[in-house]
Amino acid sequence: MDIGRLRAFPGPMYALFESEFGMRMVRAQEEIRAVLGDSAQCKLLQTGPYVPLLSVERVAFTYNDVPMELRHALYRTDRHHYRNELG
């Protein structure tokens, strides 16, 4: 899939996966930790070298525990927070 199709899709990414490829996310695992970015990451995120970042690694699964997405993202802690709602 090219980046143009991703940008043109009007809804969430998982809806795109379902409508275009018939893949439905049924569960995900995430690991979240505080990290310090390297020089390239700090430059890209426009932050200093000793500013903590949130590192979020996610594996999303479809039926029969087949992985459908692997994501690693870095977030600035001064602009983002993580929220988790349990049962």
C-alpha atoms as a PDB file:
ATOM      1  CA  MET A   1       0.000   0.000   0.000  1.00  0.00           C
ATOM      2  CA  ASP A   2       1.350   3.412  -0.850  1.00  0.00           C
ATOM      3  CA  ILE A   3       1.357   6.412   1.493  1.00  0.00           C
ATOM      4  CA  GLY A   4      -1.150   8.259  -0.727  1.00  0.00           C
ATOM      5  CA  ARG A   5      -3.849   5.676   0.011  1.00  0.00           C
ATOM      6  CA  LEU A   6      -3.163   5.972   3.728  1.00  0.00           C
ATOM      7  CA  ARG A   7      -3.429   9.754   3.627  1.00  0.00           C
ATOM      8  CA  ALA A   8      -6.569   9.713   1.478  1.00  0.00           C
ATOM      9  CA  PHE A   9      -8.495   7.299   3.693  1.00  0.00           C
ATOM     10  CA  PRO A  10     -10.967   9.350   5.761  1.00  0.00           C
ATOM     11  CA  GLY A  11     -11.197   7.049   8.792  1.00  0.00           C
ATOM     12  CA  PRO A  12      -8.996   5.270  11.334  1.00  0.00           C
ATOM     13  CA  MET A  13      -6.156   3.022  10.212  1.00  0.00           C
ATOM     14  CA  TYR A  14      -7.793  -0.144  11.571  1.00  0.00           C
ATOM     15  CA  ALA A  15     -10.933   0.614   9.537  1.00  0.00           C
ATOM     16  CA  LEU A  16      -8.708   0.832   6.467  1.00  0.00           C
ATOM     17  CA  PHE A  17      -7.162  -2.553   7.246  1.00  0.00           C
ATOM     18  CA  GLU A  18     -10.619  -4.054   7.628  1.00  0.00           C
ATOM     19  CA  SER A  19     -12.202  -2.507   4.517  1.00  0.00           C
ATOM     20  CA  GLU A  20      -9.216  -2.897   2.173  1.00  0.00           C
ATOM     21  CA  PHE A  21      -7.737  -6.197   3.361  1.00  0.00           C
ATOM     22  CA  GLY A  22     -10.415  -7.903   5.460  1.00  0.00           C
ATOM     23  CA  MET A  23      -8.133  -7.817   8.529  1.00  0.00           C
ATOM     24  CA  ARG A  24      -9.762  -6.987  11.846  1.00  0.00           C
ATOM     25  CA  MET A  25      -7.801  -6.218  14.993  1.00  0.00           C
ATOM     26  CA  VAL A  26      -9.102  -8.233  17.924  1.00  0.00           C
ATOM     27  CA  ARG A  27      -6.422  -7.478  20.543  1.00  0.00           C
ATOM     28  CA  ALA A  28      -3.134  -5.664  21.054  1.00  0.00           C
ATOM     29  CA  GLN A  29      -0.151  -5.772  23.386  1.00  0.00           C
ATOM     30  CA  GLU A  30       1.731  -2.588  24.257  1.00  0.00           C
ATOM     31  CA  GLU A  31       4.945  -1.931  26.102  1.00  0.00           C
ATOM     32  CA  ILE A  32       5.462   1.626  27.315  1.00  0.00           C
ATOM     33  CA  ARG A  33       8.615   3.012  28.865  1.00  0.00           C
ATOM     34  CA  ALA A  34      10.375   6.298  29.406  1.00  0.00           C
ATOM     35  CA  VAL A  35      13.477   6.729  27.249  1.00  0.00           C
ATOM     36  CA  LEU A  36      15.922   9.380  26.137  1.00  0.00           C
ATOM     37  CA  GLY A  37      15.985   9.907  22.392  1.00  0.00           C
ATOM     38  CA  ASP A  38      19.130   9.806  20.299  1.00  0.00           C
ATOM     39  CA  SER A  39      20.282  12.952  18.491  1.00  0.00           C
ATOM     40  CA  ALA A  40      18.262  12.229  15.325  1.00  0.00           C
ATOM     41  CA  GLN A  41      15.081  11.535  17.292  1.00  0.00           C
ATOM     42  CA  CYS A  42      15.507  14.670  19.398  1.00  0.00           C
ATOM     43  CA  LYS A  43      16.031  16.745  16.278  1.00  0.00           C
ATOM     44  CA  LEU A  44      12.954  15.281  14.602  1.00  0.00           C
ATOM     45  CA  LEU A  45      10.822  15.806  17.722  1.00  0.00           C
ATOM     46  CA  GLN A  46      12.360  19.261  18.318  1.00  0.00           C
ATOM     47  CA  THR A  47      13.346  18.547  21.893  1.00  0.00           C
ATOM     48  CA  GLY A  48      16.513  18.628  23.952  1.00  0.00           C
ATOM     49  CA  PRO A  49      18.792  15.649  24.574  1.00  0.00           C
ATOM     50  CA  TYR A  50      17.715  15.047  28.194  1.00  0.00           C
ATOM     51  CA  VAL A  51      13.954  15.360  27.775  1.00  0.00           C
ATOM     52  CA  PRO A  52      12.150  12.093  28.561  1.00  0.00           C
ATOM     53  CA  LEU A  53      10.136  10.544  25.757  1.00  0.00           C
ATOM     54  CA  LEU A  54       7.464   7.856  25.901  1.00  0.00           C
ATOM     55  CA  SER A  55       8.381   4.836  23.822  1.00  0.00           C
ATOM     56  CA  VAL A  56       5.309   2.796  22.832  1.00  0.00           C
ATOM     57  CA  GLU A  57       5.754  -0.558  21.137  1.00  0.00           C
ATOM     58  CA  ARG A  58       2.562  -2.260  19.971  1.00  0.00           C
ATOM     59  CA  VAL A  59       1.743  -5.569  18.336  1.00  0.00           C
ATOM     60  CA  ALA A  60      -1.870  -5.834  17.164  1.00  0.00           C
ATOM     61  CA  PHE A  61      -3.379  -9.219  16.391  1.00  0.00           C
ATOM     62  CA  THR A  62      -6.215 -10.472  14.222  1.00  0.00           C
ATOM     63  CA  TYR A  63      -8.029 -13.771  14.676  1.00  0.00           C
ATOM     64  CA  ASN A  64      -6.023 -16.866  15.670  1.00  0.00           C
ATOM     65  CA  ASP A  65      -3.353 -14.595  17.189  1.00  0.00           C
ATOM     66  CA  VAL A  66      -1.942 -13.634  13.790  1.00  0.00           C
ATOM     67  CA  PRO A  67       0.054 -10.387  14.142  1.00  0.00           C
ATOM     68  CA  MET A  68      -1.221  -7.686  11.780  1.00  0.00           C
ATOM     69  CA  GLU A  69       0.642  -4.587  12.940  1.00  0.00           C
ATOM     70  CA  LEU A  70       3.947  -3.765  14.576  1.00  0.00           C
ATOM     71  CA  ARG A  71       4.342  -0.166  15.691  1.00  0.00           C
ATOM     72  CA  HIS A  72       7.083   1.670  17.530  1.00  0.00           C
ATOM     73  CA  ALA A  73       6.447   5.309  18.309  1.00  0.00           C
ATOM     74  CA  LEU A  74       8.116   8.004  20.391  1.00  0.00           C
ATOM     75  CA  TYR A  75       6.067  10.745  22.036  1.00  0.00           C
ATOM     76  CA  ARG A  76       7.096  13.972  23.717  1.00  0.00           C
ATOM     77  CA  THR A  77       6.028  13.923  27.363  1.00  0.00           C
ATOM     78  CA  ASP A  78       5.307  17.662  27.398  1.00  0.00           C
ATOM     79  CA  ARG A  79       2.666  17.304  24.658  1.00  0.00           C
ATOM     80  CA  HIS A  80       1.236  13.820  25.087  1.00  0.00           C
ATOM     81  CA  HIS A  81       0.059  11.529  27.841  1.00  0.00           C
ATOM     82  CA  TYR A  82      -1.014   7.934  27.930  1.00  0.00           C
ATOM     83  CA  ARG A  83      -4.503   6.982  29.064  1.00  0.00           C
ATOM     84  CA  ASN A  84      -5.680   3.468  29.728  1.00  0.00           C
ATOM     85  CA  GLU A  85      -9.190   2.543  30.800  1.00  0.00           C
ATOM     86  CA  LEU A  86      -9.717  -0.839  32.419  1.00  0.00           C
ATOM     87  CA  GLY A  87     -13.029  -2.706  32.640  1.00  0.00           C
END
